[in-house]
Amino acid sequence: MAKKRISSVDLAWLISEELFDPARRDVRASPAVVSDEKDGWRVIIPKRNRRYLTAADEQRLAEIQRKLRLVYEIKS
């Protein structure tokens, strides 16, 4: 199955929406998606937002990346 091509901005928005937890309104990460030679793309979260992420948030972010890598590749 061919992967869908998507812009890095749209992919970052999808990740942000999946990562956002309405129960924790205090934190909303601002992810950026960049090209990566090994995996095709990866998510970067700014340091000012990353310090508020818990270990569970980090795991959820890794799970979201794995799931979306199966479906999407970024446009160059």
PDB file of N, CA and C in Angstrom:
ATOM      1  N   MET A   1       0.841  -1.177   0.000  1.00  0.00           N
ATOM      2  CA  MET A   1       0.000   0.000   0.000  1.00  0.00           C
ATOM      3  C   MET A   1       0.890   1.246   0.000  1.00  0.00           C
ATOM      4  N   ALA A   2       0.617   2.150  -0.899  1.00  0.00           N
ATOM      5  CA  ALA A   2       1.400   3.372  -1.003  1.00  0.00           C
ATOM      6  C   ALA A   2       1.037   4.337   0.124  1.00  0.00           C
ATOM      7  N   LYS A   3       2.051   5.041   0.597  1.00  0.00           N
ATOM      8  CA  LYS A   3       1.814   6.022   1.646  1.00  0.00           C
ATOM      9  C   LYS A   3       1.255   7.301   1.037  1.00  0.00           C
ATOM     10  N   LYS A   4       0.454   7.981   1.826  1.00  0.00           N
ATOM     11  CA  LYS A   4      -0.097   9.262   1.395  1.00  0.00           C
ATOM     12  C   LYS A   4       0.954  10.343   1.622  1.00  0.00           C
ATOM     13  N   ARG A   5       1.083  11.236   0.652  1.00  0.00           N
ATOM     14  CA  ARG A   5       2.014  12.344   0.782  1.00  0.00           C
ATOM     15  C   ARG A   5       1.285  13.521   1.425  1.00  0.00           C
ATOM     16  N   ILE A   6       1.941  14.127   2.404  1.00  0.00           N
ATOM     17  CA  ILE A   6       1.339  15.207   3.174  1.00  0.00           C
ATOM     18  C   ILE A   6       2.425  16.227   3.492  1.00  0.00           C
ATOM     19  N   SER A   7       2.042  17.480   3.623  1.00  0.00           N
ATOM     20  CA  SER A   7       3.027  18.499   3.983  1.00  0.00           C
ATOM     21  C   SER A   7       3.405  18.341   5.457  1.00  0.00           C
ATOM     22  N   SER A   8       4.583  18.789   5.794  1.00  0.00           N
ATOM     23  CA  SER A   8       5.040  18.673   7.177  1.00  0.00           C
ATOM     24  C   SER A   8       4.165  19.506   8.120  1.00  0.00           C
ATOM     25  N   VAL A   9       3.639  20.616   7.629  1.00  0.00           N
ATOM     26  CA  VAL A   9       2.763  21.461   8.443  1.00  0.00           C
ATOM     27  C   VAL A   9       1.463  20.724   8.765  1.00  0.00           C
ATOM     28  N   ASP A  10       0.866  20.090   7.766  1.00  0.00           N
ATOM     29  CA  ASP A  10      -0.374  19.342   8.001  1.00  0.00           C
ATOM     30  C   ASP A  10      -0.133  18.149   8.919  1.00  0.00           C
ATOM     31  N   LEU A  11       0.995  17.487   8.745  1.00  0.00           N
ATOM     32  CA  LEU A  11       1.326  16.346   9.594  1.00  0.00           C
ATOM     33  C   LEU A  11       1.552  16.800  11.037  1.00  0.00           C
ATOM     34  N   ALA A  12       2.216  17.931  11.218  1.00  0.00           N
ATOM     35  CA  ALA A  12       2.421  18.471  12.570  1.00  0.00           C
ATOM     36  C   ALA A  12       1.077  18.793  13.216  1.00  0.00           C
ATOM     37  N   TRP A  13       0.145  19.311  12.425  1.00  0.00           N
ATOM     38  CA  TRP A  13      -1.185  19.614  12.960  1.00  0.00           C
ATOM     39  C   TRP A  13      -1.889  18.326  13.403  1.00  0.00           C
ATOM     40  N   LEU A  14      -1.807  17.275  12.591  1.00  0.00           N
ATOM     41  CA  LEU A  14      -2.419  15.997  12.969  1.00  0.00           C
ATOM     42  C   LEU A  14      -1.828  15.464  14.270  1.00  0.00           C
ATOM     43  N   ILE A  15      -0.513  15.550  14.388  1.00  0.00           N
ATOM     44  CA  ILE A  15       0.158  15.068  15.597  1.00  0.00           C
ATOM     45  C   ILE A  15      -0.258  15.898  16.798  1.00  0.00           C
ATOM     46  N   SER A  16      -0.323  17.201  16.627  1.00  0.00           N
ATOM     47  CA  SER A  16      -0.738  18.094  17.710  1.00  0.00           C
ATOM     48  C   SER A  16      -2.143  17.760  18.189  1.00  0.00           C
ATOM     49  N   GLU A  17      -3.041  17.510  17.257  1.00  0.00           N
ATOM     50  CA  GLU A  17      -4.420  17.178  17.618  1.00  0.00           C
ATOM     51  C   GLU A  17      -4.502  15.836  18.346  1.00  0.00           C
ATOM     52  N   GLU A  18      -3.713  14.860  17.935  1.00  0.00           N
ATOM     53  CA  GLU A  18      -3.750  13.552  18.610  1.00  0.00           C
ATOM     54  C   GLU A  18      -3.077  13.606  19.968  1.00  0.00           C
ATOM     55  N   LEU A  19      -2.071  14.459  20.096  1.00  0.00           N
ATOM     56  CA  LEU A  19      -1.330  14.557  21.345  1.00  0.00           C
ATOM     57  C   LEU A  19      -2.086  15.368  22.394  1.00  0.00           C
ATOM     58  N   PHE A  20      -2.910  16.309  21.956  1.00  0.00           N
ATOM     59  CA  PHE A  20      -3.625  17.187  22.877  1.00  0.00           C
ATOM     60  C   PHE A  20      -4.596  16.408  23.742  1.00  0.00           C
ATOM     61  N   ASP A  21      -4.542  16.667  25.023  1.00  0.00           N
ATOM     62  CA  ASP A  21      -5.440  16.029  25.978  1.00  0.00           C
ATOM     63  C   ASP A  21      -6.332  17.112  26.595  1.00  0.00           C
ATOM     64  N   PRO A  22      -7.630  17.100  26.291  1.00  0.00           N
ATOM     65  CA  PRO A  22      -8.501  18.156  26.812  1.00  0.00           C
ATOM     66  C   PRO A  22      -8.567  18.195  28.337  1.00  0.00           C
ATOM     67  N   ALA A  23      -8.259  17.098  28.984  1.00  0.00           N
ATOM     68  CA  ALA A  23      -8.286  17.073  30.447  1.00  0.00           C
ATOM     69  C   ALA A  23      -7.133  17.886  31.036  1.00  0.00           C
ATOM     70  N   ARG A  24      -6.061  18.031  30.266  1.00  0.00           N
ATOM     71  CA  ARG A  24      -4.896  18.804  30.719  1.00  0.00           C
ATOM     72  C   ARG A  24      -4.781  20.053  29.852  1.00  0.00           C
ATOM     73  N   ARG A  25      -5.555  21.033  30.136  1.00  0.00           N
ATOM     74  CA  ARG A  25      -5.616  22.228  29.308  1.00  0.00           C
ATOM     75  C   ARG A  25      -4.371  23.094  29.437  1.00  0.00           C
ATOM     76  N   ASP A  26      -3.522  22.838  30.431  1.00  0.00           N
ATOM     77  CA  ASP A  26      -2.359  23.683  30.669  1.00  0.00           C
ATOM     78  C   ASP A  26      -1.252  23.488  29.633  1.00  0.00           C
ATOM     79  N   VAL A  27      -1.182  22.329  29.007  1.00  0.00           N
ATOM     80  CA  VAL A  27      -0.085  22.037  28.093  1.00  0.00           C
ATOM     81  C   VAL A  27      -0.622  21.724  26.704  1.00  0.00           C
ATOM     82  N   ARG A  28      -0.089  22.399  25.717  1.00  0.00           N
ATOM     83  CA  ARG A  28      -0.381  22.079  24.332  1.00  0.00           C
ATOM     84  C   ARG A  28       0.935  22.182  23.587  1.00  0.00           C
ATOM     85  N   ALA A  29       1.452  21.071  23.147  1.00  0.00           N
ATOM     86  CA  ALA A  29       2.746  21.026  22.482  1.00  0.00           C
ATOM     87  C   ALA A  29       2.660  21.651  21.097  1.00  0.00           C
ATOM     88  N   SER A  30       3.782  22.161  20.632  1.00  0.00           N
ATOM     89  CA  SER A  30       3.879  22.745  19.298  1.00  0.00           C
ATOM     90  C   SER A  30       4.873  21.917  18.483  1.00  0.00           C
ATOM     91  N   PRO A  31       4.435  20.784  17.938  1.00  0.00           N
ATOM     92  CA  PRO A  31       5.383  19.919  17.235  1.00  0.00           C
ATOM     93  C   PRO A  31       5.755  20.470  15.865  1.00  0.00           C
ATOM     94  N   ALA A  32       6.950  20.116  15.453  1.00  0.00           N
ATOM     95  CA  ALA A  32       7.410  20.393  14.094  1.00  0.00           C
ATOM     96  C   ALA A  32       7.820  19.061  13.496  1.00  0.00           C
ATOM     97  N   VAL A  33       7.565  18.876  12.224  1.00  0.00           N
ATOM     98  CA  VAL A  33       7.944  17.644  11.543  1.00  0.00           C
ATOM     99  C   VAL A  33       9.084  17.972  10.586  1.00  0.00           C
ATOM    100  N   VAL A  34      10.175  17.215  10.690  1.00  0.00           N
ATOM    101  CA  VAL A  34      11.339  17.440   9.843  1.00  0.00           C
ATOM    102  C   VAL A  34      11.728  16.139   9.143  1.00  0.00           C
ATOM    103  N   SER A  35      12.415  16.270   8.036  1.00  0.00           N
ATOM    104  CA  SER A  35      12.898  15.097   7.300  1.00  0.00           C
ATOM    105  C   SER A  35      13.950  14.366   8.124  1.00  0.00           C
ATOM    106  N   ASP A  36      13.960  13.066   7.968  1.00  0.00           N
ATOM    107  CA  ASP A  36      14.920  12.224   8.672  1.00  0.00           C
ATOM    108  C   ASP A  36      15.347  11.124   7.715  1.00  0.00           C
ATOM    109  N   GLU A  37      16.652  10.928   7.566  1.00  0.00           N
ATOM    110  CA  GLU A  37      17.148   9.922   6.625  1.00  0.00           C
ATOM    111  C   GLU A  37      16.751   8.505   7.015  1.00  0.00           C
ATOM    112  N   LYS A  38      16.744   8.229   8.297  1.00  0.00           N
ATOM    113  CA  LYS A  38      16.465   6.873   8.773  1.00  0.00           C
ATOM    114  C   LYS A  38      14.986   6.491   8.645  1.00  0.00           C
ATOM    115  N   ASP A  39      14.106   7.342   9.160  1.00  0.00           N
ATOM    116  CA  ASP A  39      12.684   7.004   9.227  1.00  0.00           C
ATOM    117  C   ASP A  39      11.803   7.772   8.249  1.00  0.00           C
ATOM    118  N   GLY A  40      12.364   8.695   7.511  1.00  0.00           N
ATOM    119  CA  GLY A  40      11.578   9.493   6.580  1.00  0.00           C
ATOM    120  C   GLY A  40      11.203  10.851   7.156  1.00  0.00           C
ATOM    121  N   TRP A  41      10.736  10.860   8.402  1.00  0.00           N
ATOM    122  CA  TRP A  41      10.422  12.101   9.108  1.00  0.00           C
ATOM    123  C   TRP A  41      10.400  11.826  10.601  1.00  0.00           C
ATOM    124  N   ARG A  42      10.521  12.893  11.373  1.00  0.00           N
ATOM    125  CA  ARG A  42      10.438  12.773  12.831  1.00  0.00           C
ATOM    126  C   ARG A  42       9.853  14.046  13.407  1.00  0.00           C
ATOM    127  N   VAL A  43       9.405  13.959  14.636  1.00  0.00           N
ATOM    128  CA  VAL A  43       8.767  15.077  15.317  1.00  0.00           C
ATOM    129  C   VAL A  43       9.765  15.719  16.271  1.00  0.00           C
ATOM    130  N   ILE A  44       9.768  17.039  16.240  1.00  0.00           N
ATOM    131  CA  ILE A  44      10.586  17.802  17.174  1.00  0.00           C
ATOM    132  C   ILE A  44       9.636  18.690  17.968  1.00  0.00           C
ATOM    133  N   ILE A  45       9.827  18.688  19.296  1.00  0.00           N
ATOM    134  CA  ILE A  45       9.026  19.537  20.178  1.00  0.00           C
ATOM    135  C   ILE A  45       9.992  20.541  20.813  1.00  0.00           C
ATOM    136  N   PRO A  46       9.690  21.832  20.760  1.00  0.00           N
ATOM    137  CA  PRO A  46      10.573  22.835  21.357  1.00  0.00           C
ATOM    138  C   PRO A  46      10.821  22.579  22.844  1.00  0.00           C
ATOM    139  N   LYS A  47      11.995  22.958  23.288  1.00  0.00           N
ATOM    140  CA  LYS A  47      12.384  22.730  24.670  1.00  0.00           C
ATOM    141  C   LYS A  47      11.394  23.344  25.659  1.00  0.00           C
ATOM    142  N   ARG A  48      10.863  24.523  25.339  1.00  0.00           N
ATOM    143  CA  ARG A  48       9.937  25.180  26.269  1.00  0.00           C
ATOM    144  C   ARG A  48       8.649  24.379  26.453  1.00  0.00           C
ATOM    145  N   ASN A  49       8.260  23.581  25.443  1.00  0.00           N
ATOM    146  CA  ASN A  49       7.082  22.721  25.564  1.00  0.00           C
ATOM    147  C   ASN A  49       7.442  21.344  26.092  1.00  0.00           C
ATOM    148  N   ARG A  50       8.608  20.843  25.725  1.00  0.00           N
ATOM    149  CA  ARG A  50       9.013  19.497  26.113  1.00  0.00           C
ATOM    150  C   ARG A  50       9.136  19.351  27.622  1.00  0.00           C
ATOM    151  N   ARG A  51       9.514  20.407  28.295  1.00  0.00           N
ATOM    152  CA  ARG A  51       9.692  20.294  29.751  1.00  0.00           C
ATOM    153  C   ARG A  51       8.375  20.028  30.483  1.00  0.00           C
ATOM    154  N   TYR A  52       7.249  20.291  29.840  1.00  0.00           N
ATOM    155  CA  TYR A  52       5.945  20.029  30.444  1.00  0.00           C
ATOM    156  C   TYR A  52       5.396  18.646  30.104  1.00  0.00           C
ATOM    157  N   LEU A  53       6.048  17.937  29.183  1.00  0.00           N
ATOM    158  CA  LEU A  53       5.563  16.611  28.805  1.00  0.00           C
ATOM    159  C   LEU A  53       5.954  15.586  29.859  1.00  0.00           C
ATOM    160  N   THR A  54       5.028  14.728  30.203  1.00  0.00           N
ATOM    161  CA  THR A  54       5.306  13.646  31.146  1.00  0.00           C
ATOM    162  C   THR A  54       5.851  12.443  30.376  1.00  0.00           C
ATOM    163  N   ALA A  55       6.270  11.438  31.100  1.00  0.00           N
ATOM    164  CA  ALA A  55       6.747  10.203  30.462  1.00  0.00           C
ATOM    165  C   ALA A  55       5.628   9.562  29.642  1.00  0.00           C
ATOM    166  N   ALA A  56       4.410   9.648  30.146  1.00  0.00           N
ATOM    167  CA  ALA A  56       3.259   9.101  29.404  1.00  0.00           C
ATOM    168  C   ALA A  56       3.042   9.874  28.111  1.00  0.00           C
ATOM    169  N   ASP A  57       3.222  11.199  28.149  1.00  0.00           N
ATOM    170  CA  ASP A  57       3.096  12.011  26.935  1.00  0.00           C
ATOM    171  C   ASP A  57       4.164  11.620  25.912  1.00  0.00           C
ATOM    172  N   GLU A  58       5.383  11.401  26.386  1.00  0.00           N
ATOM    173  CA  GLU A  58       6.479  10.988  25.500  1.00  0.00           C
ATOM    174  C   GLU A  58       6.161   9.646  24.839  1.00  0.00           C
ATOM    175  N   GLN A  59       5.618   8.715  25.597  1.00  0.00           N
ATOM    176  CA  GLN A  59       5.233   7.414  25.044  1.00  0.00           C
ATOM    177  C   GLN A  59       4.112   7.563  24.035  1.00  0.00           C
ATOM    178  N   ARG A  60       3.151   8.400  24.351  1.00  0.00           N
ATOM    179  CA  ARG A  60       2.045   8.621  23.429  1.00  0.00           C
ATOM    180  C   ARG A  60       2.534   9.267  22.132  1.00  0.00           C
ATOM    181  N   LEU A  61       3.480  10.190  22.235  1.00  0.00           N
ATOM    182  CA  LEU A  61       4.058  10.819  21.053  1.00  0.00           C
ATOM    183  C   LEU A  61       4.780   9.785  20.188  1.00  0.00           C
ATOM    184  N   ALA A  62       5.540   8.900  20.805  1.00  0.00           N
ATOM    185  CA  ALA A  62       6.233   7.845  20.060  1.00  0.00           C
ATOM    186  C   ALA A  62       5.233   6.921  19.374  1.00  0.00           C
ATOM    187  N   GLU A  63       4.144   6.592  20.056  1.00  0.00           N
ATOM    188  CA  GLU A  63       3.101   5.738  19.475  1.00  0.00           C
ATOM    189  C   GLU A  63       2.419   6.424  18.290  1.00  0.00           C
ATOM    190  N   ILE A  64       2.142   7.708  18.433  1.00  0.00           N
ATOM    191  CA  ILE A  64       1.518   8.474  17.352  1.00  0.00           C
ATOM    192  C   ILE A  64       2.435   8.496  16.135  1.00  0.00           C
ATOM    193  N   GLN A  65       3.734   8.712  16.359  1.00  0.00           N
ATOM    194  CA  GLN A  65       4.694   8.717  15.253  1.00  0.00           C
ATOM    195  C   GLN A  65       4.702   7.377  14.529  1.00  0.00           C
ATOM    196  N   ARG A  66       4.768   6.285  15.289  1.00  0.00           N
ATOM    197  CA  ARG A  66       4.790   4.951  14.669  1.00  0.00           C
ATOM    198  C   ARG A  66       3.542   4.725  13.826  1.00  0.00           C
ATOM    199  N   LYS A  67       2.398   5.106  14.369  1.00  0.00           N
ATOM    200  CA  LYS A  67       1.133   4.906  13.667  1.00  0.00           C
ATOM    201  C   LYS A  67       1.079   5.734  12.382  1.00  0.00           C
ATOM    202  N   LEU A  68       1.463   6.993  12.459  1.00  0.00           N
ATOM    203  CA  LEU A  68       1.370   7.873  11.304  1.00  0.00           C
ATOM    204  C   LEU A  68       2.455   7.613  10.258  1.00  0.00           C
ATOM    205  N   ARG A  69       3.600   7.060  10.671  1.00  0.00           N
ATOM    206  CA  ARG A  69       4.643   6.716   9.699  1.00  0.00           C
ATOM    207  C   ARG A  69       4.192   5.612   8.745  1.00  0.00           C
ATOM    208  N   LEU A  70       3.286   4.778   9.201  1.00  0.00           N
ATOM    209  CA  LEU A  70       2.764   3.713   8.344  1.00  0.00           C
ATOM    210  C   LEU A  70       1.870   4.266   7.237  1.00  0.00           C
ATOM    211  N   VAL A  71       1.294   5.438   7.479  1.00  0.00           N
ATOM    212  CA  VAL A  71       0.310   6.006   6.550  1.00  0.00           C
ATOM    213  C   VAL A  71       0.877   7.152   5.721  1.00  0.00           C
ATOM    214  N   TYR A  72       1.710   8.018   6.345  1.00  0.00           N
ATOM    215  CA  TYR A  72       2.119   9.258   5.683  1.00  0.00           C
ATOM    216  C   TYR A  72       3.609   9.350   5.432  1.00  0.00           C
ATOM    217  N   GLU A  73       3.947  10.028   4.356  1.00  0.00           N
ATOM    218  CA  GLU A  73       5.313  10.468   4.103  1.00  0.00           C
ATOM    219  C   GLU A  73       5.221  11.951   3.755  1.00  0.00           C
ATOM    220  N   ILE A  74       6.241  12.713   4.126  1.00  0.00           N
ATOM    221  CA  ILE A  74       6.142  14.151   3.893  1.00  0.00           C
ATOM    222  C   ILE A  74       6.573  14.497   2.482  1.00  0.00           C
ATOM    223  N   LYS A  75       5.964  15.566   1.980  1.00  0.00           N
ATOM    224  CA  LYS A  75       6.332  16.080   0.660  1.00  0.00           C
ATOM    225  C   LYS A  75       7.664  16.813   0.799  1.00  0.00           C
ATOM    226  N   SER A  76       8.510  16.673  -0.174  1.00  0.00           N
ATOM    227  CA  SER A  76       9.805  17.369  -0.131  1.00  0.00           C
ATOM    228  C   SER A  76       9.736  18.705  -0.805  1.00  0.00           C
TER     229      SER A  76
END
